[in-house]
N, C-alpha and C. Protein backbone atom coordinates (compact mmCIF):
# COMPACT_ATOMS: atom_id res chain seq x y z
N MET A 1 -125.36 -96.53 132.12
CA MET A 1 -124.14 -96.64 131.57
C MET A 1 -123.37 -98.18 131.24
N SER A 2 -124.03 -98.88 132.27
CA SER A 2 -123.58 -100.39 132.34
C SER A 2 -124.36 -101.00 131.20
N GLU A 3 -125.59 -100.76 130.76
CA GLU A 3 -126.03 -101.46 129.44
C GLU A 3 -125.22 -100.85 128.24
N ASP A 4 -125.00 -99.65 128.12
CA ASP A 4 -124.00 -99.29 127.14
C ASP A 4 -122.95 -99.94 127.04
N ASP A 5 -122.38 -100.12 128.13
CA ASP A 5 -121.07 -100.84 128.06
C ASP A 5 -121.25 -102.42 127.81
N TYR A 6 -122.31 -102.94 128.08
CA TYR A 6 -122.49 -104.37 127.79
C TYR A 6 -122.86 -104.34 126.11
N GLN A 7 -123.57 -103.78 125.84
CA GLN A 7 -123.99 -103.56 124.34
C GLN A 7 -122.38 -103.12 123.55
N ALA A 8 -121.59 -102.45 123.91
CA ALA A 8 -120.28 -102.17 123.30
C ALA A 8 -119.50 -103.52 123.36
N LEU A 9 -119.50 -104.14 124.38
CA LEU A 9 -118.84 -105.49 124.63
C LEU A 9 -119.23 -106.34 123.65
N CYS A 10 -120.67 -106.58 123.37
CA CYS A 10 -121.25 -107.47 122.46
C CYS A 10 -120.79 -107.19 120.93
N ARG A 11 -120.80 -105.91 120.74
CA ARG A 11 -120.43 -105.42 119.47
C ARG A 11 -119.07 -105.82 118.91
N VAL A 12 -118.11 -105.49 119.78
CA VAL A 12 -116.73 -105.84 119.46
C VAL A 12 -116.33 -107.40 119.64
N ALA A 13 -116.92 -108.14 120.65
CA ALA A 13 -116.67 -109.43 120.91
C ALA A 13 -117.54 -110.44 120.36
N GLY A 14 -118.71 -110.19 119.75
CA GLY A 14 -119.85 -111.10 119.74
C GLY A 14 -120.58 -111.50 120.70
N PRO A 15 -121.53 -112.18 120.93
CA PRO A 15 -122.55 -112.54 121.82
C PRO A 15 -121.71 -112.80 123.13
N VAL A 16 -122.20 -112.10 124.28
CA VAL A 16 -121.47 -112.32 125.53
C VAL A 16 -122.58 -112.35 126.53
N SER A 17 -122.59 -113.26 127.44
CA SER A 17 -123.56 -113.74 128.52
C SER A 17 -123.69 -112.28 129.56
N ARG A 18 -124.83 -112.15 130.16
CA ARG A 18 -124.67 -111.09 131.34
C ARG A 18 -123.69 -111.31 132.62
N GLU A 19 -123.77 -112.66 132.88
CA GLU A 19 -122.72 -113.26 133.66
C GLU A 19 -121.24 -112.99 133.51
N THR A 20 -120.80 -113.10 132.08
CA THR A 20 -119.43 -112.88 131.75
C THR A 20 -119.14 -111.31 131.78
N PHE A 21 -120.38 -110.61 131.44
CA PHE A 21 -120.08 -109.12 131.61
C PHE A 21 -119.65 -108.92 133.01
N GLU A 22 -120.20 -109.32 133.69
CA GLU A 22 -120.06 -108.97 135.36
C GLU A 22 -118.75 -109.61 135.58
N ARG A 23 -118.41 -110.74 135.25
CA ARG A 23 -117.06 -111.01 135.46
C ARG A 23 -115.97 -109.94 135.04
N LEU A 24 -116.15 -109.53 133.73
CA LEU A 24 -115.35 -108.35 133.47
C LEU A 24 -115.33 -107.04 134.18
N ARG A 25 -116.45 -106.68 134.73
CA ARG A 25 -116.66 -105.68 135.56
C ARG A 25 -115.84 -105.68 136.92
N ARG A 26 -116.04 -107.02 137.48
CA ARG A 26 -115.12 -107.31 138.68
C ARG A 26 -113.80 -107.37 138.39
N PHE A 27 -113.20 -107.77 137.33
CA PHE A 27 -111.98 -107.82 137.00
C PHE A 27 -111.69 -106.16 136.96
N GLU A 28 -112.36 -105.34 136.34
CA GLU A 28 -112.03 -103.88 136.22
C GLU A 28 -111.87 -103.44 137.68
N THR A 29 -112.69 -103.73 138.46
CA THR A 29 -112.64 -103.38 139.89
C THR A 29 -111.41 -103.86 140.52
N VAL A 30 -111.01 -104.87 140.65
CA VAL A 30 -109.72 -105.55 141.06
C VAL A 30 -108.70 -104.97 140.49
N PHE A 31 -108.60 -104.79 139.11
CA PHE A 31 -107.36 -104.15 138.49
C PHE A 31 -107.12 -102.58 138.95
N CYS A 32 -108.38 -101.99 139.28
CA CYS A 32 -107.95 -100.52 139.74
C CYS A 32 -107.44 -100.43 141.14
N LYS A 33 -107.93 -101.28 142.06
CA LYS A 33 -107.09 -101.61 143.28
C LYS A 33 -105.88 -101.90 143.31
N TRP A 34 -105.49 -102.73 142.33
CA TRP A 34 -103.98 -103.26 142.23
C TRP A 34 -103.10 -102.11 141.59
N ALA A 35 -103.75 -101.35 140.60
CA ALA A 35 -103.08 -100.28 140.00
C ALA A 35 -102.54 -99.29 140.66
N ARG A 36 -103.39 -99.03 141.97
CA ARG A 36 -102.78 -98.15 142.97
C ARG A 36 -101.49 -98.33 143.60
N ARG A 37 -101.16 -99.64 143.47
CA ARG A 37 -99.82 -99.96 143.97
C ARG A 37 -98.84 -100.48 143.16
N ILE A 38 -99.07 -101.13 141.87
CA ILE A 38 -98.13 -101.49 141.05
C ILE A 38 -98.60 -100.91 139.65
N ASN A 39 -97.68 -100.82 138.82
CA ASN A 39 -97.89 -99.96 137.60
C ASN A 39 -98.20 -101.01 136.49
N LEU A 40 -99.46 -101.06 136.37
CA LEU A 40 -100.22 -102.04 135.46
C LEU A 40 -100.43 -101.50 133.92
N VAL A 41 -100.87 -100.15 134.07
CA VAL A 41 -101.00 -99.58 132.71
C VAL A 41 -100.65 -98.23 132.94
N ALA A 42 -100.56 -97.36 131.86
CA ALA A 42 -100.16 -96.00 132.06
C ALA A 42 -101.41 -95.20 132.77
N PRO A 43 -101.15 -94.82 133.83
CA PRO A 43 -102.05 -94.17 134.81
C PRO A 43 -102.90 -92.93 134.16
N SER A 44 -102.60 -92.38 133.01
CA SER A 44 -103.34 -91.51 132.21
C SER A 44 -104.60 -92.41 131.49
N THR A 45 -104.40 -93.65 131.50
CA THR A 45 -105.51 -94.30 130.77
C THR A 45 -106.45 -95.05 131.71
N LEU A 46 -106.29 -95.08 132.98
CA LEU A 46 -107.23 -95.66 133.85
C LEU A 46 -108.59 -95.23 133.92
N ASP A 47 -108.85 -93.94 133.57
CA ASP A 47 -110.34 -93.42 133.48
C ASP A 47 -110.98 -93.83 132.29
N ARG A 48 -110.07 -94.51 131.46
CA ARG A 48 -110.67 -95.02 130.05
C ARG A 48 -110.59 -96.66 130.10
N LEU A 49 -110.55 -97.12 131.28
CA LEU A 49 -110.12 -98.66 131.19
C LEU A 49 -110.87 -99.43 130.54
N TRP A 50 -111.98 -99.42 130.71
CA TRP A 50 -113.23 -100.21 130.01
C TRP A 50 -112.96 -100.31 128.41
N ARG A 51 -112.69 -99.15 127.81
CA ARG A 51 -112.88 -99.00 126.45
C ARG A 51 -111.30 -99.17 125.97
N ARG A 52 -110.36 -98.42 126.73
CA ARG A 52 -108.97 -98.32 126.12
C ARG A 52 -108.45 -99.77 126.16
N HIS A 53 -108.74 -100.36 127.11
CA HIS A 53 -107.96 -101.66 127.41
C HIS A 53 -108.82 -102.93 127.59
N ILE A 54 -110.09 -103.05 127.98
CA ILE A 54 -110.97 -104.16 128.00
C ILE A 54 -111.71 -104.37 126.52
N LEU A 55 -112.20 -103.46 126.19
CA LEU A 55 -112.74 -103.48 124.90
C LEU A 55 -111.82 -103.85 123.55
N ASP A 56 -110.68 -103.16 123.85
CA ASP A 56 -109.64 -103.19 122.85
C ASP A 56 -109.22 -104.68 122.80
N SER A 57 -109.07 -105.39 124.00
CA SER A 57 -108.62 -106.73 124.14
C SER A 57 -109.76 -107.66 123.53
N ALA A 58 -110.88 -107.54 123.93
CA ALA A 58 -112.10 -108.31 123.72
C ALA A 58 -112.33 -108.63 122.32
N GLN A 59 -112.12 -107.60 121.35
CA GLN A 59 -112.36 -107.69 119.99
C GLN A 59 -111.62 -108.98 119.27
N LEU A 60 -110.43 -109.31 120.11
CA LEU A 60 -109.67 -110.49 119.37
C LEU A 60 -110.50 -111.81 119.06
N LEU A 61 -111.64 -111.80 119.90
CA LEU A 61 -112.44 -113.01 119.88
C LEU A 61 -113.21 -113.04 118.64
N SER A 62 -113.67 -111.78 118.18
CA SER A 62 -114.23 -111.85 116.71
C SER A 62 -113.50 -112.14 115.66
N ILE A 63 -112.16 -112.09 115.95
CA ILE A 63 -111.29 -112.40 114.89
C ILE A 63 -110.91 -113.90 114.85
N ALA A 64 -110.89 -114.42 116.10
CA ALA A 64 -110.38 -115.90 116.10
C ALA A 64 -111.46 -116.55 116.72
N PRO A 65 -112.77 -116.62 116.72
CA PRO A 65 -113.72 -117.19 117.57
C PRO A 65 -113.61 -118.64 117.82
N GLN A 66 -112.96 -119.36 116.85
CA GLN A 66 -112.93 -120.80 116.93
C GLN A 66 -111.60 -121.41 117.59
N ALA A 67 -110.68 -120.37 118.03
CA ALA A 67 -109.33 -120.71 118.69
C ALA A 67 -109.62 -121.54 120.16
N ARG A 68 -108.71 -122.54 120.29
CA ARG A 68 -109.23 -123.18 121.40
C ARG A 68 -107.81 -122.97 122.33
N ARG A 69 -106.67 -122.81 121.89
CA ARG A 69 -105.48 -122.60 122.43
C ARG A 69 -104.80 -121.16 122.35
N TRP A 70 -104.72 -120.57 123.63
CA TRP A 70 -104.28 -118.86 123.30
C TRP A 70 -103.24 -118.96 124.18
N ALA A 71 -102.18 -118.22 123.69
CA ALA A 71 -100.99 -117.65 124.62
C ALA A 71 -100.74 -116.29 124.52
N ASP A 72 -100.82 -115.56 125.52
CA ASP A 72 -100.62 -114.16 125.50
C ASP A 72 -99.05 -113.86 126.20
N LEU A 73 -98.34 -113.05 125.36
CA LEU A 73 -97.07 -113.07 125.67
C LEU A 73 -96.79 -111.46 126.40
N GLY A 74 -96.02 -111.37 127.50
CA GLY A 74 -95.99 -110.22 128.27
C GLY A 74 -97.29 -109.69 128.70
N SER A 75 -97.82 -110.43 129.49
CA SER A 75 -99.44 -110.07 129.75
C SER A 75 -99.49 -108.80 130.53
N GLY A 76 -98.53 -108.45 131.26
CA GLY A 76 -98.63 -107.37 131.95
C GLY A 76 -99.90 -107.42 133.09
N GLY A 77 -100.77 -106.24 132.72
CA GLY A 77 -102.16 -106.14 133.60
C GLY A 77 -103.18 -107.00 132.97
N GLY A 78 -102.85 -107.94 132.20
CA GLY A 78 -103.92 -108.79 131.58
C GLY A 78 -104.33 -108.45 130.36
N PHE A 79 -103.93 -107.59 129.52
CA PHE A 79 -104.52 -107.04 128.26
C PHE A 79 -103.59 -107.72 127.14
N PRO A 80 -104.15 -108.53 126.20
CA PRO A 80 -105.47 -109.03 126.21
C PRO A 80 -105.84 -110.37 126.90
N GLY A 81 -104.62 -111.18 127.54
CA GLY A 81 -104.88 -112.43 127.87
C GLY A 81 -106.01 -112.69 129.14
N ALA A 82 -106.01 -111.71 130.26
CA ALA A 82 -106.89 -111.87 131.09
C ALA A 82 -108.45 -111.82 130.66
N VAL A 83 -108.61 -110.63 129.69
CA VAL A 83 -109.91 -110.65 129.24
C VAL A 83 -110.21 -111.80 128.37
N ILE A 84 -109.46 -112.17 127.58
CA ILE A 84 -109.91 -113.56 126.74
C ILE A 84 -109.99 -114.76 127.65
N ALA A 85 -109.29 -114.70 128.45
CA ALA A 85 -109.41 -115.95 129.65
C ALA A 85 -111.01 -115.87 130.17
N ILE A 86 -111.32 -114.42 130.74
CA ILE A 86 -112.50 -114.43 131.33
C ILE A 86 -113.83 -114.75 130.29
N LEU A 87 -113.52 -113.96 129.15
CA LEU A 87 -114.57 -114.22 127.97
C LEU A 87 -114.93 -115.64 127.70
N ALA A 88 -113.73 -116.50 127.75
CA ALA A 88 -114.03 -118.11 127.48
C ALA A 88 -114.24 -118.66 128.54
N HIS A 89 -114.53 -118.17 129.88
CA HIS A 89 -114.62 -119.03 131.14
C HIS A 89 -115.57 -120.01 130.89
N ASP A 90 -116.57 -119.98 130.17
CA ASP A 90 -117.70 -121.04 130.12
C ASP A 90 -117.25 -121.90 129.14
N ARG A 91 -116.44 -121.91 128.41
CA ARG A 91 -115.92 -122.79 127.29
C ARG A 91 -114.69 -123.79 127.75
N ALA A 92 -115.19 -124.73 128.22
CA ALA A 92 -114.13 -125.94 128.74
C ALA A 92 -113.02 -126.32 127.90
N ASP A 93 -113.47 -126.00 126.41
CA ASP A 93 -112.45 -126.56 125.32
C ASP A 93 -111.30 -125.57 125.00
N VAL A 94 -111.63 -124.36 125.85
CA VAL A 94 -110.61 -123.10 125.48
C VAL A 94 -109.60 -123.02 126.72
N ALA A 95 -108.24 -123.17 126.25
CA ALA A 95 -107.21 -122.90 127.19
C ALA A 95 -106.54 -121.71 126.99
N VAL A 96 -106.14 -120.81 127.94
CA VAL A 96 -105.63 -119.54 127.77
C VAL A 96 -104.18 -119.53 128.81
N LYS A 97 -103.00 -119.21 128.14
CA LYS A 97 -101.81 -119.34 128.92
C LYS A 97 -101.41 -117.81 128.87
N LEU A 98 -101.13 -117.10 130.08
CA LEU A 98 -100.67 -115.94 130.21
C LEU A 98 -99.10 -115.90 130.62
N VAL A 99 -98.22 -115.18 129.81
CA VAL A 99 -96.85 -115.25 130.14
C VAL A 99 -96.38 -113.97 130.83
N GLU A 100 -95.87 -113.74 131.78
CA GLU A 100 -95.38 -112.49 132.19
C GLU A 100 -94.35 -112.87 133.48
N SER A 101 -93.07 -112.40 133.16
CA SER A 101 -91.90 -112.59 133.85
C SER A 101 -91.98 -111.93 135.28
N ASN A 102 -92.48 -110.55 135.27
CA ASN A 102 -92.58 -109.76 136.26
C ASN A 102 -93.43 -110.27 137.46
N ARG A 103 -92.61 -110.53 138.61
CA ARG A 103 -93.25 -111.25 139.67
C ARG A 103 -94.58 -110.75 140.33
N LYS A 104 -94.44 -109.38 140.51
CA LYS A 104 -95.67 -108.49 140.80
C LYS A 104 -96.69 -108.65 140.04
N LYS A 105 -96.54 -108.37 138.65
CA LYS A 105 -97.65 -108.44 137.79
C LYS A 105 -98.22 -109.80 137.58
N ALA A 106 -97.38 -110.90 137.56
CA ALA A 106 -98.00 -112.24 137.58
C ALA A 106 -98.65 -112.56 138.81
N ALA A 107 -98.22 -112.11 139.95
CA ALA A 107 -99.16 -112.24 141.35
C ALA A 107 -100.38 -111.60 141.19
N PHE A 108 -100.51 -110.27 140.51
CA PHE A 108 -101.80 -109.67 140.20
C PHE A 108 -102.82 -110.56 139.56
N LEU A 109 -102.20 -111.05 138.24
CA LEU A 109 -102.97 -111.83 137.41
C LEU A 109 -103.44 -113.24 138.05
N GLN A 110 -102.68 -113.75 139.00
CA GLN A 110 -102.92 -114.94 139.70
C GLN A 110 -104.08 -114.64 140.79
N ASN A 111 -104.05 -113.44 141.34
CA ASN A 111 -105.08 -113.09 142.28
C ASN A 111 -106.43 -112.71 141.62
N ALA A 112 -106.34 -111.98 140.43
CA ALA A 112 -107.48 -111.49 140.01
C ALA A 112 -108.04 -112.82 139.08
N LEU A 113 -107.36 -113.64 138.64
CA LEU A 113 -108.02 -114.63 137.74
C LEU A 113 -108.58 -116.03 138.64
N SER A 114 -107.93 -116.07 139.78
CA SER A 114 -108.10 -117.27 140.59
C SER A 114 -109.51 -117.64 140.70
N ASP A 115 -110.54 -116.54 140.73
CA ASP A 115 -111.78 -116.65 140.82
C ASP A 115 -112.55 -116.44 139.50
N LEU A 116 -112.08 -115.44 138.68
CA LEU A 116 -112.87 -115.07 137.53
C LEU A 116 -112.55 -115.87 136.33
N ALA A 117 -111.24 -116.43 136.38
CA ALA A 117 -110.97 -117.36 135.07
C ALA A 117 -110.08 -118.38 135.80
N PRO A 118 -110.54 -119.46 136.59
CA PRO A 118 -109.71 -120.23 137.33
C PRO A 118 -108.88 -121.17 136.37
N ARG A 119 -109.35 -121.55 135.16
CA ARG A 119 -108.54 -122.34 134.19
C ARG A 119 -107.53 -121.71 133.61
N ALA A 120 -107.28 -120.17 133.71
CA ALA A 120 -106.23 -119.45 133.14
C ALA A 120 -104.83 -120.03 133.69
N ASP A 121 -103.67 -120.18 132.89
CA ASP A 121 -102.58 -120.47 133.38
C ASP A 121 -101.37 -119.48 133.20
N ILE A 122 -101.19 -118.95 134.52
CA ILE A 122 -100.40 -118.00 134.43
C ILE A 122 -98.85 -118.43 134.69
N VAL A 123 -97.98 -118.09 133.79
CA VAL A 123 -96.70 -118.72 133.73
C VAL A 123 -95.85 -117.59 133.89
N ALA A 124 -95.01 -117.46 135.23
CA ALA A 124 -94.11 -116.37 135.58
C ALA A 124 -92.72 -116.72 134.96
N ARG A 125 -92.47 -116.84 133.52
CA ARG A 125 -91.02 -116.95 132.99
C ARG A 125 -90.84 -116.21 131.99
N ARG A 126 -89.70 -116.30 131.38
CA ARG A 126 -89.16 -115.65 130.18
C ARG A 126 -89.77 -115.98 129.02
N ILE A 127 -90.30 -115.05 128.29
CA ILE A 127 -91.13 -115.58 127.05
C ILE A 127 -90.33 -116.41 126.00
N GLU A 128 -89.09 -116.30 125.82
CA GLU A 128 -88.25 -117.11 125.09
C GLU A 128 -88.23 -118.50 125.91
N ASP A 129 -88.13 -118.80 127.09
CA ASP A 129 -88.07 -120.21 127.62
C ASP A 129 -89.48 -120.74 127.28
N VAL A 130 -90.60 -119.85 127.44
CA VAL A 130 -92.01 -120.56 127.26
C VAL A 130 -92.07 -121.19 125.77
N VAL A 131 -91.91 -120.21 125.07
CA VAL A 131 -91.90 -120.56 123.56
C VAL A 131 -91.02 -121.65 123.07
N GLU A 132 -89.75 -121.84 123.74
CA GLU A 132 -89.22 -123.05 123.22
C GLU A 132 -89.51 -124.20 123.80
N SER A 133 -90.27 -124.32 125.04
CA SER A 133 -90.66 -125.38 125.67
C SER A 133 -92.06 -125.89 125.65
N SER A 134 -92.91 -124.84 124.96
CA SER A 134 -94.43 -125.27 125.11
C SER A 134 -94.99 -125.74 123.49
N VAL A 135 -96.02 -126.60 123.63
CA VAL A 135 -96.64 -126.86 122.69
C VAL A 135 -97.23 -125.61 121.82
N SER A 136 -97.08 -125.56 120.42
CA SER A 136 -97.56 -124.10 119.88
C SER A 136 -99.00 -124.16 120.08
N PRO A 137 -99.55 -122.84 120.29
CA PRO A 137 -101.03 -122.46 120.49
C PRO A 137 -101.73 -122.34 119.09
N ASP A 138 -103.02 -122.27 119.20
CA ASP A 138 -103.73 -121.78 117.75
C ASP A 138 -103.10 -120.32 117.70
N ILE A 139 -103.43 -119.51 118.78
CA ILE A 139 -103.32 -118.06 118.71
C ILE A 139 -102.31 -117.59 119.68
N VAL A 140 -101.22 -116.65 119.15
CA VAL A 140 -100.34 -116.18 120.06
C VAL A 140 -100.57 -114.51 120.10
N THR A 141 -100.90 -114.01 121.06
CA THR A 141 -101.23 -112.52 121.33
C THR A 141 -100.01 -111.59 121.95
N ALA A 142 -99.81 -110.33 121.88
CA ALA A 142 -99.17 -109.50 122.52
C ALA A 142 -99.72 -108.22 122.14
N ARG A 143 -99.44 -107.19 123.26
CA ARG A 143 -99.97 -105.92 123.12
C ARG A 143 -99.12 -105.00 123.94
N ALA A 144 -98.64 -104.21 123.28
CA ALA A 144 -97.58 -102.93 123.65
C ALA A 144 -96.32 -103.76 124.35
N LEU A 145 -96.01 -104.67 123.49
CA LEU A 145 -94.74 -105.48 124.07
C LEU A 145 -93.64 -105.37 123.38
N ALA A 146 -93.61 -105.38 122.06
CA ALA A 146 -92.35 -104.84 121.35
C ALA A 146 -92.58 -104.82 119.73
N PRO A 147 -91.58 -103.95 119.13
CA PRO A 147 -91.96 -103.92 117.70
C PRO A 147 -91.96 -105.19 117.05
N LEU A 148 -92.82 -105.27 115.86
CA LEU A 148 -93.26 -106.56 115.07
C LEU A 148 -91.99 -107.08 114.83
N PRO A 149 -90.71 -106.62 114.05
CA PRO A 149 -89.77 -107.54 113.75
C PRO A 149 -89.29 -108.35 115.08
N ARG A 150 -89.31 -107.71 116.51
CA ARG A 150 -88.72 -108.59 117.57
C ARG A 150 -90.02 -109.61 118.07
N LEU A 151 -91.18 -109.29 117.87
CA LEU A 151 -92.22 -110.14 117.79
C LEU A 151 -92.37 -111.51 117.32
N LEU A 152 -91.80 -111.23 115.93
CA LEU A 152 -91.74 -112.26 115.07
C LEU A 152 -90.49 -113.29 115.41
N THR A 153 -89.53 -112.73 115.77
CA THR A 153 -88.36 -113.48 116.18
C THR A 153 -88.74 -114.21 117.60
N LEU A 154 -89.42 -113.57 118.54
CA LEU A 154 -89.69 -114.06 119.78
C LEU A 154 -90.68 -115.45 119.51
N THR A 155 -91.59 -115.40 118.65
CA THR A 155 -92.64 -116.15 118.31
C THR A 155 -92.30 -117.26 117.15
N GLU A 156 -91.13 -117.24 116.56
CA GLU A 156 -90.91 -117.63 115.36
C GLU A 156 -91.19 -119.35 115.49
N PRO A 157 -90.63 -119.97 116.56
CA PRO A 157 -90.93 -121.35 116.63
C PRO A 157 -92.50 -121.95 116.68
N TRP A 158 -93.19 -121.06 117.27
CA TRP A 158 -94.60 -121.32 116.79
C TRP A 158 -95.27 -121.09 115.77
N LEU A 159 -94.81 -119.68 115.03
CA LEU A 159 -95.29 -119.60 113.76
C LEU A 159 -94.82 -120.43 112.80
N VAL A 160 -93.84 -121.08 112.68
CA VAL A 160 -93.50 -121.98 111.93
C VAL A 160 -94.28 -123.32 112.07
N ALA A 161 -94.72 -123.39 113.39
CA ALA A 161 -95.51 -124.86 113.46
C ALA A 161 -96.97 -124.41 113.12
N GLY A 162 -97.43 -123.40 112.87
CA GLY A 162 -98.60 -123.01 112.46
C GLY A 162 -99.41 -122.08 113.25
N THR A 163 -99.02 -121.57 114.12
CA THR A 163 -99.85 -120.71 115.09
C THR A 163 -100.12 -119.45 114.29
N ARG A 164 -101.14 -118.86 114.50
CA ARG A 164 -101.51 -117.52 113.89
C ARG A 164 -101.21 -116.50 115.26
N ALA A 165 -100.72 -115.22 114.83
CA ALA A 165 -100.47 -114.41 115.75
C ALA A 165 -101.57 -112.99 115.31
N LEU A 166 -101.89 -112.58 116.61
CA LEU A 166 -102.95 -111.25 116.53
C LEU A 166 -102.02 -110.52 117.56
N PHE A 167 -101.46 -109.34 116.84
CA PHE A 167 -100.51 -108.35 117.53
C PHE A 167 -101.38 -107.03 117.36
N HIS A 168 -101.69 -106.33 118.42
CA HIS A 168 -101.91 -105.06 118.54
C HIS A 168 -101.04 -103.94 118.08
N LYS A 169 -101.46 -103.05 117.34
CA LYS A 169 -100.45 -102.15 116.96
C LYS A 169 -101.04 -100.76 116.85
N GLY A 170 -100.10 -99.71 117.00
CA GLY A 170 -100.87 -98.32 116.87
C GLY A 170 -100.43 -97.68 115.42
N ARG A 171 -100.29 -96.15 115.56
CA ARG A 171 -100.52 -95.46 114.47
C ARG A 171 -99.14 -95.74 113.56
N ASP A 172 -98.15 -96.45 114.37
CA ASP A 172 -96.67 -96.62 113.56
C ASP A 172 -96.76 -98.13 112.97
N SER A 173 -97.80 -98.97 112.73
CA SER A 173 -97.84 -100.26 112.32
C SER A 173 -97.21 -100.23 110.91
N GLY A 174 -97.45 -99.33 110.06
CA GLY A 174 -97.00 -99.39 108.62
C GLY A 174 -95.43 -99.37 108.74
N GLU A 175 -94.79 -98.61 109.35
CA GLU A 175 -93.47 -98.56 109.53
C GLU A 175 -92.88 -99.91 110.04
N GLU A 176 -93.68 -100.63 111.03
CA GLU A 176 -93.22 -101.67 111.63
C GLU A 176 -93.22 -102.77 110.71
N ILE A 177 -94.26 -102.75 109.96
CA ILE A 177 -94.50 -104.04 108.73
C ILE A 177 -93.44 -103.76 107.74
N LYS A 178 -93.03 -102.45 107.44
CA LYS A 178 -91.95 -102.42 106.36
C LYS A 178 -90.68 -102.85 106.82
N LEU A 179 -90.32 -102.55 108.28
CA LEU A 179 -89.12 -103.33 108.81
C LEU A 179 -88.95 -104.66 108.74
N ALA A 180 -90.23 -105.09 109.12
CA ALA A 180 -90.43 -106.75 109.25
C ALA A 180 -89.94 -107.26 107.89
N HIS A 181 -90.71 -106.71 106.87
CA HIS A 181 -90.46 -107.19 105.57
C HIS A 181 -89.00 -107.19 104.86
N ASP A 182 -88.27 -106.52 105.76
CA ASP A 182 -86.87 -106.69 105.36
C ASP A 182 -86.04 -108.17 105.78
N THR A 183 -86.65 -108.72 106.63
CA THR A 183 -86.23 -110.06 106.92
C THR A 183 -87.25 -111.26 106.88
N TRP A 184 -88.39 -110.89 106.76
CA TRP A 184 -89.60 -111.92 106.89
C TRP A 184 -90.58 -111.66 105.66
N ASN A 185 -90.93 -112.87 105.30
CA ASN A 185 -92.15 -113.04 104.10
C ASN A 185 -93.42 -113.02 105.05
N LEU A 186 -94.29 -112.17 104.59
CA LEU A 186 -95.33 -112.22 105.75
C LEU A 186 -96.79 -112.37 104.93
N ASP A 187 -97.68 -113.38 105.43
CA ASP A 187 -98.96 -113.38 105.06
C ASP A 187 -99.91 -112.83 106.07
N LEU A 188 -100.35 -111.57 105.94
CA LEU A 188 -101.00 -110.77 107.09
C LEU A 188 -102.28 -110.04 106.51
N ILE A 189 -102.89 -109.90 107.69
CA ILE A 189 -104.24 -109.16 107.42
C ILE A 189 -104.25 -107.97 108.47
N GLN A 190 -104.44 -106.83 108.09
CA GLN A 190 -104.75 -105.77 109.07
C GLN A 190 -105.96 -105.47 109.45
N HIS A 191 -106.58 -105.66 110.52
CA HIS A 191 -107.74 -105.55 110.92
C HIS A 191 -107.87 -104.23 111.74
N ARG A 192 -108.53 -103.44 111.08
CA ARG A 192 -108.82 -101.85 111.70
C ARG A 192 -109.45 -102.17 113.19
N SER A 193 -109.05 -101.55 114.04
CA SER A 193 -109.30 -101.61 115.51
C SER A 193 -110.98 -101.18 115.67
N SER A 194 -111.86 -101.81 116.33
CA SER A 194 -113.16 -101.58 116.71
C SER A 194 -113.33 -100.47 117.80
N VAL A 195 -112.16 -100.40 118.43
CA VAL A 195 -112.40 -99.35 119.49
C VAL A 195 -111.53 -98.14 119.27
N ASP A 196 -110.32 -97.90 118.49
CA ASP A 196 -109.39 -97.05 118.31
C ASP A 196 -109.06 -96.76 116.90
N ASP A 197 -109.57 -95.68 116.43
CA ASP A 197 -109.35 -95.43 115.00
C ASP A 197 -107.83 -95.53 114.49
N ASP A 198 -106.80 -95.20 115.37
CA ASP A 198 -105.45 -95.16 115.34
C ASP A 198 -104.84 -96.33 115.39
N SER A 199 -105.72 -97.43 115.68
CA SER A 199 -104.79 -98.83 115.94
C SER A 199 -105.31 -99.82 115.03
N VAL A 200 -104.55 -100.93 114.98
CA VAL A 200 -104.86 -102.07 114.13
C VAL A 200 -104.46 -103.31 115.03
N VAL A 201 -105.39 -104.38 114.45
CA VAL A 201 -104.74 -105.67 115.00
C VAL A 201 -104.13 -106.33 113.89
N LEU A 202 -102.83 -106.93 113.81
CA LEU A 202 -102.22 -107.44 112.87
C LEU A 202 -102.24 -109.01 113.00
N GLU A 203 -103.03 -109.45 111.95
CA GLU A 203 -103.12 -111.15 112.01
C GLU A 203 -102.11 -111.59 111.24
N ILE A 204 -101.11 -112.24 111.84
CA ILE A 204 -99.99 -112.91 111.05
C ILE A 204 -100.38 -114.38 110.74
N ILE A 205 -100.69 -114.83 109.64
CA ILE A 205 -101.16 -116.01 109.22
C ILE A 205 -99.92 -116.93 108.84
N LYS A 206 -98.89 -116.35 108.48
CA LYS A 206 -97.81 -117.13 107.96
C LYS A 206 -96.58 -116.24 107.88
N ALA A 207 -95.60 -116.70 108.46
CA ALA A 207 -94.23 -115.94 108.51
C ALA A 207 -93.11 -116.75 108.39
N THR A 208 -92.26 -116.39 107.19
CA THR A 208 -91.09 -117.27 106.93
C THR A 208 -89.71 -116.33 106.80
N ARG A 209 -88.67 -116.70 107.22
CA ARG A 209 -87.74 -115.80 107.16
C ARG A 209 -87.13 -115.77 105.36
N LYS A 210 -86.52 -114.59 105.08
CA LYS A 210 -86.05 -114.51 103.75
C LYS A 210 -84.74 -115.22 103.60
């Protein structure tokens, strides 16, 4: 089973070392222990954690393999931010910021990543404050955080500065895009998920208000 999981990881994320694969496995173990005490993901998805959450997060690296500065908003249980940070552990030129205002979830991220991705920056502050005060990253990510129009508003200062967005979306992505077009001119690409046939990753290359 582990070999199948390793091959699946390489298929969605690109070449990954065995050591990095083991780091993700250790994260999975720590995650499950904490998930018994605090609500990190929907309990119904815990038995599919590797595919439903870890692989789903890892696929972002194949979309933006050259990105150096990542910011994940509303990181929650670490998807996709913690997974990206662990996958990038051996790349000294990559910095990953995880923004999570919930103190318990931020504590989990700090605990889990202190050994597995020690260079990850866990920021326990409101998203609006971080976006307003931080240098724009190369990539901003968000998963299960808010509808697309709200995400665009939250990240507008960074998008205007040239940041690309990678937003996970489910089967309602088409409707969210239509709503966003009421206010925004969008240059976007819809990447069909490598993990879930009902999901996409929206790559926002440019966004300007109408």
